[in-house]
Amino acid sequence: MTLGQIALWGLIVGLVMSLVVITGFAYATLLERKVLGRMQARIGPNRAGYIPWPRRGKKERKLLAGVMQPAADAVKLFFKEDTTPGMVDPFVYNLAPMLAVIPAILILAVIPWAGKIPNLVPEQYDYFAIVPGLNVAMLFILAVTSISVYGIVLAGWASNSKYAVLGGIRASAQMISYELAMSMTIIVPVMLAGSMDLGVIVEAQKGGWYIFLQPIAAIIFCVAVMAELQRAPFDLLEAEQELSAGFNVEYGGMRFGMFFMAEYMKMVSFSAIAAVLFFGGYRGPFVDQVPVLGFVYMFIKVFIGLFIMIWLRATFPRLRYDQLMSFGWKRLLPIAVINFIILATVLVMAEEGFFTPIQEAIRGFLG
């Protein structure tokens, strides 16, 4: 393929994947409301869009109850009155929602969704992604996730409200605290695979997922991601009892919806990153024979990641702010650093042949 054809292919793939993920974000909201309803012995959304089903006695039965609820929510937000409070900074006030959404979409550019599919993936690349073959993909993810806090901080500052400013300050402190621990755990798969290319990391897990080699790193990563997403029990920046909804208190209509769009799209993105780093990505049974199965495996793993995030929200109470910061700095970060140092030491010793006599002795003992 020529350079122009590759650029056109990337543009088409990016457009298609963006539409798929935006649709996925919409139905992630429905999934959360349904799962929370079931966990709390409620029904959840069941009126907007359903297929009537034959009755069982006097009980009405519905198929796909609530399937159009995301569309109904979108229409409601689009047609709500778009007001700008008089005391805000208009430029920054309107810019902040976009700064929140754009990083959530950019993360998806480097995620490998499937292996090499004939007639779909260019010959020079080994996997399906919007930007395949990026050998600094992990640095790209760290940089983009660091940018996402600016949207929240600027939203709080531009709103000219003490509650919004406090929510923005909490967000910046929280994300900086837990991003350090997350960075230390992201380095672990990079060290094991010897590359920052996510496709190489996935292929390096043919023999076994990294969660079995590094369960501590996987657990720390999952906890840090929950804090990075500001999801319960780490949703201190929008604690209703303390901050009257927090950083987005002055927003309404679709601009308010864009912040939640960013939150749920980041849930999808980080679920995909967790699947790639610790759960084998698109690798699975028969994926070498039928490469299209990679999409199925990624979808299943991302779905499980979303379900776990929702489950944690329904299970754990919100932490106090001092507990949140203490847990991040005094427990999570030291464990992540120690785990990183131990792994680096073991890898260097293995490269220098330190374990070779031990391996030979074991082989001789086993015969």
Protein backbone atom coordinates (compact mmCIF):
# COMPACT_ATOMS: atom_id res chain seq x y z
CA MET A 1 0.00 0.00 0.00
CA THR A 2 1.15 3.53 -0.76
CA LEU A 3 1.46 6.21 1.90
CA GLY A 4 -1.76 7.86 0.68
CA GLN A 5 -3.66 4.57 0.85
CA ILE A 6 -2.42 3.96 4.39
CA ALA A 7 -3.53 7.47 5.41
CA LEU A 8 -6.97 6.91 3.87
CA TRP A 9 -7.22 3.51 5.58
CA GLY A 10 -6.34 5.09 8.94
CA LEU A 11 -8.94 7.83 8.42
CA ILE A 12 -11.69 5.33 7.60
CA VAL A 13 -10.77 3.01 10.48
CA GLY A 14 -10.61 5.96 12.87
CA LEU A 15 -14.06 7.17 11.82
CA VAL A 16 -15.61 3.70 12.10
CA MET A 17 -14.01 2.94 15.49
CA SER A 18 -15.01 6.38 16.82
CA LEU A 19 -18.64 5.73 15.87
CA VAL A 20 -18.50 2.26 17.43
CA VAL A 21 -17.00 3.54 20.68
CA ILE A 22 -19.39 6.50 20.89
CA THR A 23 -22.26 4.04 20.53
CA GLY A 24 -20.57 1.84 23.12
CA PHE A 25 -20.32 4.79 25.52
CA ALA A 26 -24.05 5.41 25.16
CA TYR A 27 -24.90 1.82 25.98
CA ALA A 28 -22.36 1.75 28.81
CA THR A 29 -24.66 4.20 30.58
CA LEU A 30 -27.59 1.83 30.03
CA LEU A 31 -25.50 -1.13 31.23
CA GLU A 32 -24.61 0.73 34.41
CA ARG A 33 -28.21 1.67 35.17
CA LYS A 34 -29.42 -1.87 34.49
CA VAL A 35 -26.68 -3.53 36.56
CA LEU A 36 -27.10 -1.10 39.46
CA GLY A 37 -30.86 -1.66 39.33
CA ARG A 38 -30.43 -5.42 39.52
CA MET A 39 -27.90 -5.16 42.36
CA GLN A 40 -30.22 -2.86 44.30
CA ALA A 41 -33.35 -4.99 43.67
CA ARG A 42 -34.79 -2.49 41.18
CA ILE A 43 -35.79 -2.80 37.53
CA GLY A 44 -33.84 0.04 35.92
CA PRO A 45 -34.84 1.77 32.65
CA ASN A 46 -37.51 -0.30 30.89
CA ARG A 47 -39.86 2.15 29.14
CA ALA A 48 -37.92 3.81 26.31
CA GLY A 49 -37.94 1.23 23.54
CA TYR A 50 -38.88 -2.40 24.01
CA ILE A 51 -40.33 -5.29 22.04
CA PRO A 52 -43.64 -6.63 23.43
CA TRP A 53 -43.40 -10.31 24.28
CA PRO A 54 -46.19 -12.87 24.84
CA ARG A 55 -47.62 -12.54 28.33
CA ARG A 56 -47.02 -15.11 31.03
CA GLY A 57 -50.35 -15.12 32.82
CA LYS A 58 -51.15 -11.50 33.77
CA LYS A 59 -47.51 -10.40 33.81
CA GLU A 60 -46.39 -8.12 30.97
CA ARG A 61 -43.13 -9.26 29.36
CA LYS A 62 -40.70 -7.03 27.45
CA LEU A 63 -37.75 -7.92 25.23
CA LEU A 64 -34.78 -5.50 25.23
CA ALA A 65 -36.59 -3.24 27.70
CA GLY A 66 -35.00 0.23 27.78
CA VAL A 67 -32.85 -0.31 24.68
CA MET A 68 -33.62 3.22 23.41
CA GLN A 69 -32.91 4.91 26.75
CA PRO A 70 -29.47 6.27 25.63
CA ALA A 71 -31.10 7.84 22.56
CA ALA A 72 -33.81 9.37 24.75
CA ASP A 73 -31.17 10.81 27.10
CA ALA A 74 -29.24 12.26 24.14
CA VAL A 75 -32.36 13.91 22.69
CA LYS A 76 -33.22 15.36 26.10
CA LEU A 77 -29.73 16.86 26.53
CA PHE A 78 -29.62 18.24 22.97
CA PHE A 79 -32.92 20.08 23.36
CA LYS A 80 -32.43 21.42 26.87
CA GLU A 81 -32.00 25.19 27.05
CA ASP A 82 -28.33 26.10 26.55
CA THR A 83 -27.57 28.82 29.09
CA THR A 84 -24.25 30.37 30.05
CA PRO A 85 -24.14 31.88 33.56
CA GLY A 86 -23.20 35.54 33.58
CA MET A 87 -20.25 35.24 35.98
CA VAL A 88 -18.27 32.61 34.03
CA ASP A 89 -15.32 33.00 31.64
CA PRO A 90 -17.14 32.18 28.36
CA PHE A 91 -14.15 30.98 26.32
CA VAL A 92 -12.72 28.61 28.95
CA TYR A 93 -16.23 27.60 30.05
CA ASN A 94 -17.00 26.36 26.52
CA LEU A 95 -13.52 24.91 25.95
CA ALA A 96 -13.45 22.71 29.07
CA PRO A 97 -15.99 20.06 27.91
CA MET A 98 -14.03 19.57 24.67
CA LEU A 99 -10.75 19.19 26.59
CA ALA A 100 -12.43 16.47 28.65
CA VAL A 101 -13.75 14.49 25.65
CA ILE A 102 -10.82 14.71 23.20
CA PRO A 103 -8.24 12.79 25.34
CA ALA A 104 -10.81 10.03 25.97
CA ILE A 105 -11.12 9.54 22.20
CA LEU A 106 -7.38 9.88 21.47
CA ILE A 107 -6.50 6.94 23.75
CA LEU A 108 -8.38 4.62 21.37
CA ALA A 109 -5.99 5.42 18.51
CA VAL A 110 -3.26 3.01 19.67
CA ILE A 111 -5.41 0.15 21.04
CA PRO A 112 -4.94 -3.11 19.05
CA TRP A 113 -8.43 -4.54 18.52
CA ALA A 114 -7.51 -7.64 16.49
CA GLY A 115 -4.54 -9.40 14.92
CA LYS A 116 -3.47 -9.31 11.29
CA ILE A 117 -6.61 -9.71 9.17
CA PRO A 118 -6.01 -10.31 5.43
CA ASN A 119 -7.35 -7.56 3.13
CA LEU A 120 -8.12 -5.36 6.14
CA VAL A 121 -4.77 -4.63 7.79
CA PRO A 122 -1.94 -3.13 5.65
CA GLU A 123 0.84 -5.61 4.87
CA GLN A 124 3.49 -3.79 6.90
CA TYR A 125 1.45 -3.99 10.13
CA ASP A 126 0.76 -6.99 12.34
CA TYR A 127 -2.49 -5.97 14.03
CA PHE A 128 -5.66 -3.93 13.57
CA ALA A 129 -5.61 -0.46 15.14
CA ILE A 130 -6.29 3.12 14.12
CA VAL A 131 -2.56 3.90 14.44
CA PRO A 132 -0.79 0.50 14.32
CA GLY A 133 2.91 0.00 14.83
CA LEU A 134 3.46 3.00 17.13
CA ASN A 135 6.55 2.06 19.11
CA VAL A 136 5.90 4.70 21.79
CA ALA A 137 2.24 3.78 22.37
CA MET A 138 2.61 3.55 26.15
CA LEU A 139 4.16 7.04 26.34
CA PHE A 140 1.29 8.29 24.17
CA ILE A 141 -1.27 6.83 26.59
CA LEU A 142 0.47 8.36 29.63
CA ALA A 143 0.66 11.76 27.93
CA VAL A 144 -2.98 11.76 26.84
CA THR A 145 -4.30 10.62 30.23
CA SER A 146 -2.32 13.44 31.86
CA ILE A 147 -4.04 15.99 29.60
CA SER A 148 -7.55 14.86 30.54
CA VAL A 149 -7.42 16.53 33.96
CA TYR A 150 -7.17 19.98 32.33
CA GLY A 151 -10.78 19.85 31.17
CA ILE A 152 -12.02 19.27 34.72
CA VAL A 153 -9.72 21.85 36.33
CA LEU A 154 -10.57 24.53 33.74
CA ALA A 155 -14.29 23.76 34.10
CA GLY A 156 -14.04 24.41 37.83
CA TRP A 157 -11.98 27.57 37.41
CA ALA A 158 -14.11 29.03 34.59
CA SER A 159 -17.38 28.45 36.49
CA ASN A 160 -16.40 31.06 39.10
CA SER A 161 -17.97 28.95 41.86
CA LYS A 162 -16.25 27.82 45.05
CA TYR A 163 -17.81 24.35 44.78
CA ALA A 164 -16.63 23.94 41.19
CA VAL A 165 -13.12 25.18 42.02
CA LEU A 166 -12.84 22.76 44.95
CA GLY A 167 -13.95 19.92 42.66
CA GLY A 168 -11.30 20.87 40.10
CA ILE A 169 -8.55 21.08 42.74
CA ARG A 170 -9.55 17.69 44.11
CA ALA A 171 -9.46 16.22 40.61
CA SER A 172 -5.94 17.49 39.88
CA ALA A 173 -4.55 16.29 43.22
CA GLN A 174 -6.24 12.90 42.90
CA MET A 175 -5.12 12.25 39.33
CA ILE A 176 -1.51 13.28 40.02
CA SER A 177 -1.40 11.03 43.10
CA TYR A 178 -2.72 7.90 41.41
CA GLU A 179 -1.09 8.51 38.03
CA LEU A 180 2.31 7.82 39.62
CA ALA A 181 1.21 4.38 40.80
CA MET A 182 -0.45 3.68 37.45
CA SER A 183 2.74 4.65 35.59
CA MET A 184 4.77 2.23 37.71
CA THR A 185 2.41 -0.63 36.84
CA ILE A 186 2.24 0.26 33.13
CA ILE A 187 6.03 -0.10 32.96
CA VAL A 188 5.76 -3.73 34.14
CA PRO A 189 4.26 -5.20 30.89
CA VAL A 190 6.67 -3.01 28.91
CA MET A 191 9.63 -4.56 30.75
CA LEU A 192 8.29 -8.09 30.36
CA ALA A 193 7.61 -7.68 26.61
CA GLY A 194 10.64 -5.50 25.88
CA SER A 195 8.58 -3.00 23.86
CA MET A 196 6.19 -0.08 24.26
CA ASP A 197 4.21 -1.18 21.19
CA LEU A 198 0.87 -2.53 22.46
CA GLY A 199 0.70 -5.09 19.65
CA VAL A 200 4.04 -6.56 20.74
CA ILE A 201 2.82 -6.69 24.35
CA VAL A 202 -0.28 -8.63 23.27
CA GLU A 203 1.73 -11.11 21.20
CA ALA A 204 4.16 -11.59 24.11
CA GLN A 205 1.24 -13.00 26.13
CA LYS A 206 0.76 -16.02 23.85
CA GLY A 207 2.19 -18.27 26.53
CA GLY A 208 0.22 -16.74 29.40
CA TRP A 209 -1.42 -13.52 30.53
CA TYR A 210 0.66 -11.06 32.51
CA ILE A 211 -1.90 -10.99 35.32
CA PHE A 212 -0.58 -14.43 36.33
CA LEU A 213 3.05 -13.23 36.22
CA GLN A 214 2.34 -9.89 37.90
CA PRO A 215 -0.94 -10.02 39.86
CA ILE A 216 0.20 -7.21 42.18
CA ALA A 217 0.80 -4.86 39.25
CA ALA A 218 -2.58 -5.78 37.74
CA ILE A 219 -4.45 -5.06 40.99
CA ILE A 220 -2.64 -1.74 41.52
CA PHE A 221 -3.38 -0.76 37.92
CA CYS A 222 -7.09 -1.48 38.35
CA VAL A 223 -7.30 0.54 41.58
CA ALA A 224 -5.35 3.44 40.04
CA VAL A 225 -7.62 3.41 36.99
CA MET A 226 -10.71 3.71 39.20
CA ALA A 227 -9.13 6.75 40.87
CA GLU A 228 -8.03 8.16 37.50
CA LEU A 229 -11.61 7.88 36.23
CA GLN A 230 -12.97 9.47 39.43
CA ARG A 231 -15.38 6.58 39.78
CA ALA A 232 -16.86 5.48 43.10
CA PRO A 233 -15.42 4.92 45.65
CA PHE A 234 -13.00 7.61 44.40
CA ASP A 235 -15.57 10.15 43.12
CA LEU A 236 -14.53 12.88 45.55
CA LEU A 237 -14.51 15.66 42.93
CA GLU A 238 -18.30 15.54 42.54
CA ALA A 239 -19.34 14.54 46.04
CA GLU A 240 -22.92 15.85 46.20
CA GLN A 241 -23.01 16.02 49.99
CA GLU A 242 -19.88 18.20 50.10
CA LEU A 243 -19.56 20.10 46.82
CA SER A 244 -23.10 20.38 45.41
CA ALA A 245 -22.17 18.24 42.33
CA GLY A 246 -18.61 19.55 42.11
CA PHE A 247 -16.79 20.85 39.05
CA ASN A 248 -19.78 20.66 36.67
CA VAL A 249 -22.26 22.43 38.94
CA GLU A 250 -22.67 25.38 36.51
CA TYR A 251 -23.04 23.25 33.37
CA GLY A 252 -26.27 22.14 31.71
CA GLY A 253 -27.54 20.66 28.48
CA MET A 254 -25.12 18.96 26.11
CA ARG A 255 -22.07 20.59 27.69
CA PHE A 256 -23.01 18.82 30.91
CA GLY A 257 -23.47 15.62 28.90
CA MET A 258 -19.99 15.93 27.37
CA PHE A 259 -18.36 15.46 30.78
CA PHE A 260 -20.27 12.22 31.29
CA MET A 261 -19.46 11.25 27.71
CA ALA A 262 -15.76 11.68 28.58
CA GLU A 263 -16.16 9.61 31.76
CA TYR A 264 -17.81 6.64 30.08
CA MET A 265 -15.53 6.76 27.04
CA LYS A 266 -12.53 6.66 29.38
CA MET A 267 -14.12 3.66 31.08
CA VAL A 268 -14.18 1.90 27.70
CA SER A 269 -10.63 3.04 26.88
CA PHE A 270 -9.11 1.94 30.19
CA SER A 271 -10.94 -1.38 30.07
CA ALA A 272 -9.32 -1.94 26.66
CA ILE A 273 -5.89 -0.91 28.01
CA ALA A 274 -6.25 -3.31 30.96
CA ALA A 275 -7.23 -6.09 28.55
CA VAL A 276 -4.16 -5.39 26.40
CA LEU A 277 -1.64 -5.09 29.25
CA PHE A 278 -2.69 -7.91 31.57
CA PHE A 279 -5.35 -10.08 29.92
CA GLY A 280 -3.89 -10.96 26.52
CA GLY A 281 -5.76 -8.36 24.46
CA TYR A 282 -7.24 -9.93 21.35
CA ARG A 283 -5.44 -13.24 21.96
CA GLY A 284 -7.68 -16.26 22.57
CA PRO A 285 -8.50 -19.76 21.34
CA PHE A 286 -8.38 -20.17 17.53
CA VAL A 287 -7.51 -16.50 16.96
CA ASP A 288 -4.55 -17.50 14.75
CA GLN A 289 -6.84 -19.56 12.52
CA VAL A 290 -9.73 -17.03 12.56
CA PRO A 291 -8.24 -13.53 13.17
CA VAL A 292 -11.68 -11.88 13.25
CA LEU A 293 -12.25 -13.60 16.62
CA GLY A 294 -9.87 -10.98 18.04
CA PHE A 295 -12.68 -8.41 17.94
CA VAL A 296 -14.92 -10.81 19.88
CA TYR A 297 -12.31 -11.46 22.58
CA MET A 298 -11.60 -7.74 22.98
CA PHE A 299 -15.32 -6.98 23.25
CA ILE A 300 -15.78 -9.65 25.93
CA LYS A 301 -12.79 -8.42 27.95
CA VAL A 302 -13.85 -4.77 27.70
CA PHE A 303 -17.39 -5.72 28.74
CA ILE A 304 -16.06 -7.58 31.79
CA GLY A 305 -13.93 -4.55 32.69
CA LEU A 306 -16.96 -2.26 32.51
CA PHE A 307 -19.01 -4.67 34.62
CA ILE A 308 -16.31 -4.77 37.33
CA MET A 309 -16.20 -0.94 37.46
CA ILE A 310 -19.98 -0.82 37.90
CA TRP A 311 -19.85 -3.61 40.48
CA LEU A 312 -17.28 -1.70 42.54
CA ARG A 313 -19.44 1.42 42.41
CA ALA A 314 -22.41 -0.51 43.78
CA THR A 315 -20.35 -2.24 46.49
CA PHE A 316 -17.99 0.26 48.13
CA PRO A 317 -18.86 3.50 49.96
CA ARG A 318 -17.12 6.74 49.08
CA LEU A 319 -13.81 7.37 50.85
CA ARG A 320 -13.01 10.53 52.76
CA TYR A 321 -10.57 12.81 50.97
CA ASP A 322 -7.80 12.26 53.53
CA GLN A 323 -8.28 8.48 53.22
CA LEU A 324 -8.06 8.76 49.44
CA MET A 325 -4.77 10.67 49.46
CA SER A 326 -3.27 8.59 52.27
CA PHE A 327 -4.09 5.35 50.45
CA GLY A 328 -2.55 6.60 47.22
CA TRP A 329 0.71 8.00 48.64
CA LYS A 330 1.35 5.76 51.66
CA ARG A 331 0.18 2.37 50.38
CA LEU A 332 -0.43 2.11 46.64
CA LEU A 333 2.63 4.01 45.39
CA PRO A 334 5.20 2.31 47.72
CA ILE A 335 3.89 -1.15 46.78
CA ALA A 336 4.04 -0.25 43.08
CA VAL A 337 7.63 1.04 43.40
CA ILE A 338 8.80 -2.03 45.35
CA ASN A 339 7.15 -4.35 42.83
CA PHE A 340 8.85 -2.47 39.98
CA ILE A 341 12.29 -2.66 41.64
CA ILE A 342 11.95 -6.39 42.35
CA LEU A 343 10.89 -7.15 38.77
CA ALA A 344 13.71 -5.04 37.31
CA THR A 345 16.25 -6.82 39.55
CA VAL A 346 14.96 -10.27 38.58
CA LEU A 347 15.01 -9.44 34.85
CA VAL A 348 18.60 -8.12 35.04
CA MET A 349 19.73 -11.19 36.99
CA ALA A 350 18.05 -13.48 34.45
CA GLU A 351 19.74 -11.63 31.57
CA GLU A 352 23.14 -12.02 33.25
CA GLY A 353 22.58 -15.78 33.62
CA PHE A 354 22.28 -15.76 37.40
CA PHE A 355 19.50 -18.35 37.37
CA THR A 356 21.15 -20.67 34.81
CA PRO A 357 22.89 -22.95 37.40
CA ILE A 358 19.63 -23.23 39.35
CA GLN A 359 17.71 -24.18 36.19
CA GLU A 360 20.35 -26.79 35.27
CA ALA A 361 20.26 -28.24 38.79
CA ILE A 362 16.47 -28.55 38.65
CA ARG A 363 16.64 -30.21 35.22
CA GLY A 364 19.27 -32.65 36.51
CA PHE A 365 17.19 -33.45 39.58
CA LEU A 366 14.10 -34.09 37.48
CA GLY A 367 16.11 -36.29 35.16
